[in-house]
C-alpha atoms as a PDB file:
ATOM      1  CA  MET A   1    -233.095 -23.919 -49.098  1.00  0.00           C
ATOM      2  CA  THR A   2    -235.994 -21.524 -48.931  1.00  0.00           C
ATOM      3  CA  ALA A   3    -239.638 -21.946 -49.839  1.00  0.00           C
ATOM      4  CA  ASP A   4    -238.878 -20.580 -53.318  1.00  0.00           C
ATOM      5  CA  GLY A   5    -235.399 -21.913 -54.129  1.00  0.00           C
ATOM      6  CA  VAL A   6    -231.857 -21.877 -52.765  1.00  0.00           C
ATOM      7  CA  ASN A   7    -229.844 -19.094 -51.142  1.00  0.00           C
ATOM      8  CA  PHE A   8    -226.209 -19.259 -52.281  1.00  0.00           C
ATOM      9  CA  ALA A   9    -223.500 -17.417 -50.342  1.00  0.00           C
ATOM     10  CA  ILE A  10    -219.711 -17.098 -50.308  1.00  0.00           C
ATOM     11  CA  CYS A  11    -217.323 -15.173 -48.072  1.00  0.00           C
ATOM     12  CA  SER A  12    -214.893 -13.163 -50.187  1.00  0.00           C
ATOM     13  CA  PRO A  13    -213.984  -9.879 -48.481  1.00  0.00           C
ATOM     14  CA  ASP A  14    -211.582  -8.694 -51.203  1.00  0.00           C
ATOM     15  CA  ALA A  15    -213.810  -9.516 -54.175  1.00  0.00           C
ATOM     16  CA  THR A  16    -214.744  -6.688 -56.508  1.00  0.00           C
ATOM     17  CA  SER A  17    -217.371  -8.726 -58.373  1.00  0.00           C
ATOM     18  CA  ALA A  18    -218.974 -12.150 -58.182  1.00  0.00           C
ATOM     19  CA  ARG A  19    -221.047 -14.395 -60.452  1.00  0.00           C
ATOM     20  CA  LEU A  20    -222.885 -17.542 -59.484  1.00  0.00           C
ATOM     21  CA  VAL A  21    -222.433 -20.212 -62.155  1.00  0.00           C
ATOM     22  CA  LEU A  22    -225.067 -22.958 -62.490  1.00  0.00           C
ATOM     23  CA  PHE A  23    -224.510 -26.179 -64.420  1.00  0.00           C
ATOM     24  CA  ALA A  24    -227.196 -28.454 -65.897  1.00  0.00           C
ATOM     25  CA  ALA A  25    -225.270 -31.533 -64.693  1.00  0.00           C
ATOM     26  CA  PRO A  26    -222.248 -32.041 -62.420  1.00  0.00           C
ATOM     27  CA  SER A  27    -220.175 -33.363 -65.335  1.00  0.00           C
ATOM     28  CA  ASP A  28    -220.825 -30.306 -67.562  1.00  0.00           C
ATOM     29  CA  THR A  29    -217.838 -28.098 -68.316  1.00  0.00           C
ATOM     30  CA  SER A  30    -219.909 -25.163 -69.592  1.00  0.00           C
ATOM     31  CA  ALA A  31    -222.325 -23.162 -67.480  1.00  0.00           C
ATOM     32  CA  ALA A  32    -226.033 -23.344 -68.212  1.00  0.00           C
ATOM     33  CA  VAL A  33    -226.637 -20.028 -66.425  1.00  0.00           C
ATOM     34  CA  GLU A  34    -224.418 -17.281 -65.013  1.00  0.00           C
ATOM     35  CA  ILE A  35    -225.919 -14.862 -62.500  1.00  0.00           C
ATOM     36  CA  PRO A  36    -223.958 -11.633 -61.957  1.00  0.00           C
ATOM     37  CA  LEU A  37    -224.315 -10.299 -58.422  1.00  0.00           C
ATOM     38  CA  ASP A  38    -224.944  -6.605 -57.807  1.00  0.00           C
ATOM     39  CA  PRO A  39    -222.804  -5.513 -54.828  1.00  0.00           C
ATOM     40  CA  ALA A  40    -225.489  -3.073 -53.690  1.00  0.00           C
ATOM     41  CA  ARG A  41    -228.090  -5.869 -53.433  1.00  0.00           C
ATOM     42  CA  HIS A  42    -226.061  -9.055 -53.053  1.00  0.00           C
ATOM     43  CA  ARG A  43    -223.266  -8.130 -50.680  1.00  0.00           C
ATOM     44  CA  THR A  44    -223.355  -7.853 -46.909  1.00  0.00           C
ATOM     45  CA  GLY A  45    -219.910  -7.147 -45.451  1.00  0.00           C
ATOM     46  CA  PRO A  46    -217.588  -9.846 -46.816  1.00  0.00           C
ATOM     47  CA  TYR A  47    -220.498 -12.082 -47.917  1.00  0.00           C
ATOM     48  CA  TRP A  48    -221.875 -12.256 -51.440  1.00  0.00           C
ATOM     49  CA  HIS A  49    -225.317 -13.900 -51.576  1.00  0.00           C
ATOM     50  CA  VAL A  50    -228.273 -14.468 -53.879  1.00  0.00           C
ATOM     51  CA  GLU A  51    -231.494 -16.448 -53.722  1.00  0.00           C
ATOM     52  CA  VAL A  52    -232.262 -18.351 -56.922  1.00  0.00           C
ATOM     53  CA  PRO A  53    -235.926 -19.336 -57.315  1.00  0.00           C
ATOM     54  CA  GLY A  54    -236.771 -22.718 -58.777  1.00  0.00           C
ATOM     55  CA  VAL A  55    -233.413 -24.300 -57.911  1.00  0.00           C
ATOM     56  CA  GLY A  56    -233.377 -27.354 -55.675  1.00  0.00           C
ATOM     57  CA  HIS A  57    -231.217 -29.789 -53.767  1.00  0.00           C
ATOM     58  CA  GLY A  58    -228.295 -31.171 -55.780  1.00  0.00           C
ATOM     59  CA  GLN A  59    -227.847 -28.185 -58.084  1.00  0.00           C
ATOM     60  CA  ALA A  60    -224.297 -28.167 -59.529  1.00  0.00           C
ATOM     61  CA  TYR A  61    -222.756 -24.704 -59.121  1.00  0.00           C
ATOM     62  CA  GLY A  62    -219.579 -22.720 -58.788  1.00  0.00           C
ATOM     63  CA  TRP A  63    -218.422 -19.142 -58.338  1.00  0.00           C
ATOM     64  CA  HIS A  64    -216.486 -16.747 -60.523  1.00  0.00           C
ATOM     65  CA  VAL A  65    -214.974 -14.039 -58.337  1.00  0.00           C
ATOM     66  CA  ASP A  66    -212.777 -11.128 -59.396  1.00  0.00           C
ATOM     67  CA  GLY A  67    -210.558  -9.013 -57.207  1.00  0.00           C
ATOM     68  CA  PRO A  68    -207.020  -8.006 -56.352  1.00  0.00           C
ATOM     69  CA  ARG A  69    -206.038 -11.573 -55.449  1.00  0.00           C
ATOM     70  CA  ASP A  70    -206.792 -13.307 -58.745  1.00  0.00           C
END
């Protein structure tokens, strides 16, 4: 966590794109918000990362990652 929200990160060296998927509740099957990551801003080496303001502890989330190893 940061002072403003949560920093999410995933290691996926072969990914060509990544989206952070946020859910309103852990039992939800549909995303409340999808955040596409810009590789120029949100990628450092094999790590994709983004800080999401206003998000707190317990946020239900997942990743959608595309690449040659679907």
